[in-house]
Amino acid sequence: MVVSVAYDYSEQFADFLIMNLQELNYLAQDQLKEELMKCCGSSAWVDKMLASAPFKSSADLFQKADTIWSETTELDWFEAFSHHPKIGDLKSLEQKFASTSKLAGNEQAAVNSASQKTLEQLAGGNEAYEQKFGFIFIVCATGKSAEEMLELLNARIHNTRETELQIAAIEQGKITRLRLEKLLS
């Protein structure tokens, strides 16, 4: 029998919520929800993850996260996408998405060193992509240069909406996994 006791770690982790699995499992429900929302903005995904806690191991956490994500709907995907800044929109990244900055930090780091021309092309490409598909360009940006992301955007804009939605959902899954790994590092 597993006994779960909710502790309030808010003061201990107020500025730097990176923890081990045991600490994650002992977070109060509202705190766990807040941390999971930073990993994935889908409330359905978060609710199902909350119902799956406590997690036996990090592998269990990751497996449940992947399984639950694979069971989400398009509406859940759109909700998750809405929690991301546009690639290259550094102002939005700093302001609107400050709550996820610790986990999302450096995901778009390569954009900081991009040329003005590349940034303008990303902005224009993002606008065209969003007009065509109805949602922002989602890519797991970690480890990619601004030029690589621009190439991906330019290649993916020729996809059908159905294909692109599937690719974006896969990319969201990758982002969620990386953020969960950062949370536990």
Protein backbone atom coordinates (compact mmCIF):
# COMPACT_ATOMS: atom_id res chain seq x y z
CA MET A 1 0.00 0.00 0.00
CA VAL A 2 1.37 3.41 -1.02
CA VAL A 3 0.72 6.27 1.38
CA SER A 4 0.86 9.66 -0.26
CA VAL A 5 1.48 12.72 1.86
CA ALA A 6 1.29 16.14 0.24
CA TYR A 7 4.04 18.51 1.29
CA ASP A 8 4.23 22.16 0.36
CA TYR A 9 7.59 22.58 -1.36
CA SER A 10 6.78 26.07 -2.61
CA GLU A 11 9.27 27.86 -0.37
CA GLN A 12 12.05 25.33 -0.84
CA PHE A 13 11.73 25.35 -4.64
CA ALA A 14 10.24 28.82 -5.17
CA ASP A 15 12.98 30.08 -7.46
CA PHE A 16 14.28 26.87 -8.95
CA LEU A 17 11.82 24.03 -9.35
CA ILE A 18 14.05 21.25 -10.45
CA MET A 19 13.65 18.21 -8.29
CA ASN A 20 14.04 14.51 -8.04
CA LEU A 21 11.21 12.05 -8.53
CA GLN A 22 10.47 11.66 -4.82
CA GLU A 23 10.10 15.42 -4.44
CA LEU A 24 7.85 15.53 -7.50
CA ASN A 25 5.66 12.78 -6.06
CA TYR A 26 5.29 14.65 -2.76
CA LEU A 27 4.23 17.96 -4.28
CA ALA A 28 0.77 19.15 -3.32
CA GLN A 29 -1.73 18.52 -6.13
CA ASP A 30 -1.94 22.20 -7.15
CA GLN A 31 1.86 22.49 -7.26
CA LEU A 32 2.21 19.31 -9.29
CA LYS A 33 -0.41 20.62 -11.70
CA GLU A 34 1.50 23.88 -12.08
CA GLU A 35 4.77 22.07 -12.81
CA LEU A 36 3.16 19.69 -15.30
CA MET A 37 1.51 22.64 -17.10
CA LYS A 38 5.00 24.06 -17.62
CA CYS A 39 5.91 20.83 -19.41
CA CYS A 40 2.76 20.61 -21.55
CA GLY A 41 -0.04 23.16 -21.82
CA SER A 42 -2.80 20.60 -22.42
CA SER A 43 -5.12 20.55 -19.40
CA ALA A 44 -6.39 17.08 -20.40
CA TRP A 45 -2.82 15.75 -20.43
CA VAL A 46 -2.10 17.40 -17.08
CA ASP A 47 -5.28 16.05 -15.47
CA LYS A 48 -4.49 12.51 -16.61
CA MET A 49 -0.90 12.85 -15.38
CA LEU A 50 -2.19 14.03 -12.00
CA ALA A 51 -4.42 10.97 -11.84
CA SER A 52 -1.39 8.77 -12.65
CA ALA A 53 0.75 10.07 -9.79
CA PRO A 54 2.69 9.02 -7.84
CA PHE A 55 5.22 7.74 -10.34
CA LYS A 56 7.28 4.63 -9.55
CA SER A 57 10.35 5.79 -11.46
CA SER A 58 11.40 8.39 -13.98
CA ALA A 59 10.88 5.73 -16.67
CA ASP A 60 7.32 5.29 -15.38
CA LEU A 61 6.78 9.06 -15.50
CA PHE A 62 8.07 9.30 -19.08
CA GLN A 63 6.10 6.25 -20.24
CA LYS A 64 2.88 7.59 -18.76
CA ALA A 65 3.54 11.04 -20.23
CA ASP A 66 4.05 9.53 -23.69
CA THR A 67 1.04 7.23 -23.43
CA ILE A 68 -1.26 9.97 -22.19
CA TRP A 69 -0.06 12.35 -24.90
CA SER A 70 -0.76 9.69 -27.54
CA GLU A 71 -4.36 9.51 -26.28
CA THR A 72 -5.04 13.26 -26.51
CA THR A 73 -7.23 14.88 -29.14
CA GLU A 74 -6.64 17.65 -31.65
CA LEU A 75 -8.26 20.13 -29.26
CA ASP A 76 -5.74 19.11 -26.61
CA TRP A 77 -2.94 19.61 -29.12
CA PHE A 78 -4.15 23.11 -29.98
CA GLU A 79 -4.31 23.97 -26.30
CA ALA A 80 -0.72 22.74 -25.80
CA PHE A 81 0.48 24.64 -28.90
CA SER A 82 -1.03 27.85 -27.53
CA HIS A 83 1.41 27.66 -24.62
CA HIS A 84 4.42 28.18 -26.89
CA PRO A 85 5.90 31.36 -28.30
CA LYS A 86 6.49 31.53 -32.01
CA ILE A 87 9.97 30.39 -33.02
CA GLY A 88 12.17 33.47 -33.08
CA ASP A 89 9.74 35.68 -31.14
CA LEU A 90 12.14 36.45 -28.30
CA LYS A 91 10.04 39.28 -26.89
CA SER A 92 7.04 36.97 -26.52
CA LEU A 93 9.27 34.26 -25.10
CA GLU A 94 10.49 36.61 -22.36
CA GLN A 95 7.15 38.22 -21.51
CA LYS A 96 4.17 35.97 -22.12
CA PHE A 97 5.93 32.69 -21.38
CA ALA A 98 7.97 33.71 -18.33
CA SER A 99 6.40 30.94 -16.20
CA THR A 100 7.94 28.22 -18.40
CA SER A 101 11.28 29.96 -18.90
CA LYS A 102 13.21 27.71 -16.50
CA LEU A 103 12.13 24.53 -18.27
CA ALA A 104 11.95 26.05 -21.74
CA GLY A 105 15.17 27.97 -21.30
CA ASN A 106 17.65 27.50 -24.10
CA GLU A 107 15.08 25.73 -26.32
CA GLN A 108 15.39 28.66 -28.69
CA ALA A 109 18.89 29.71 -27.62
CA ALA A 110 20.25 29.53 -31.17
CA VAL A 111 17.82 32.24 -32.22
CA ASN A 112 19.76 34.72 -30.04
CA SER A 113 22.71 34.54 -32.43
CA ALA A 114 20.69 34.53 -35.66
CA SER A 115 21.12 37.25 -38.22
CA GLN A 116 18.45 39.90 -38.62
CA LYS A 117 17.64 38.46 -42.04
CA THR A 118 17.05 34.98 -40.58
CA LEU A 119 14.87 36.44 -37.81
CA GLU A 120 12.81 38.33 -40.40
CA GLN A 121 12.44 35.17 -42.49
CA LEU A 122 11.35 33.21 -39.40
CA ALA A 123 8.80 35.90 -38.55
CA GLY A 124 7.43 35.90 -42.11
CA GLY A 125 7.45 32.12 -42.28
CA ASN A 126 5.68 31.85 -38.94
CA GLU A 127 2.98 34.22 -40.14
CA ALA A 128 2.46 32.29 -43.39
CA TYR A 129 2.45 28.97 -41.51
CA GLU A 130 -0.13 30.14 -38.97
CA GLN A 131 -2.36 31.56 -41.72
CA LYS A 132 -2.18 28.29 -43.67
CA PHE A 133 -2.62 25.82 -40.81
CA GLY A 134 -4.40 27.81 -38.09
CA PHE A 135 -1.78 27.12 -35.40
CA ILE A 136 1.80 28.17 -34.76
CA PHE A 137 4.83 26.32 -36.09
CA ILE A 138 5.81 23.77 -33.43
CA VAL A 139 9.29 22.28 -33.50
CA CYS A 140 11.49 20.83 -30.78
CA ALA A 141 14.06 23.60 -31.09
CA THR A 142 16.63 22.22 -28.65
CA GLY A 143 19.95 21.83 -30.42
CA LYS A 144 18.77 23.41 -33.66
CA SER A 145 20.14 26.61 -35.15
CA ALA A 146 17.80 29.35 -36.30
CA GLU A 147 18.74 28.45 -39.86
CA GLU A 148 17.81 24.78 -39.29
CA MET A 149 14.45 25.80 -37.84
CA LEU A 150 13.86 28.08 -40.82
CA GLU A 151 14.66 25.18 -43.18
CA LEU A 152 12.20 22.96 -41.31
CA LEU A 153 9.52 25.64 -41.41
CA ASN A 154 10.04 26.16 -45.14
CA ALA A 155 9.87 22.42 -45.79
CA ARG A 156 6.86 21.76 -43.56
CA ILE A 157 4.76 24.63 -44.90
CA HIS A 158 4.17 22.54 -48.03
CA ASN A 159 2.52 19.73 -46.03
CA THR A 160 -1.20 19.16 -45.83
CA ARG A 161 -2.87 20.41 -42.67
CA GLU A 162 -3.49 16.82 -41.53
CA THR A 163 0.17 15.84 -42.00
CA GLU A 164 1.39 19.01 -40.36
CA LEU A 165 -0.90 18.59 -37.38
CA GLN A 166 0.50 15.09 -36.81
CA ILE A 167 4.09 16.37 -37.07
CA ALA A 168 3.35 19.23 -34.67
CA ALA A 169 1.83 16.80 -32.15
CA ILE A 170 4.96 14.62 -32.34
CA GLU A 171 7.15 17.69 -31.84
CA GLN A 172 5.03 18.70 -28.83
CA GLY A 173 5.60 15.24 -27.37
CA LYS A 174 9.36 15.70 -27.75
CA ILE A 175 9.20 19.12 -26.07
CA THR A 176 7.15 17.70 -23.20
CA ARG A 177 9.64 14.88 -22.68
CA LEU A 178 12.61 17.27 -22.64
CA ARG A 179 10.87 19.53 -20.15
CA LEU A 180 10.04 16.60 -17.87
CA GLU A 181 13.71 15.53 -18.04
CA LYS A 182 14.78 19.07 -17.12
CA LEU A 183 12.28 19.12 -14.26
CA LEU A 184 13.91 16.01 -12.81
CA SER A 185 17.52 16.96 -13.47
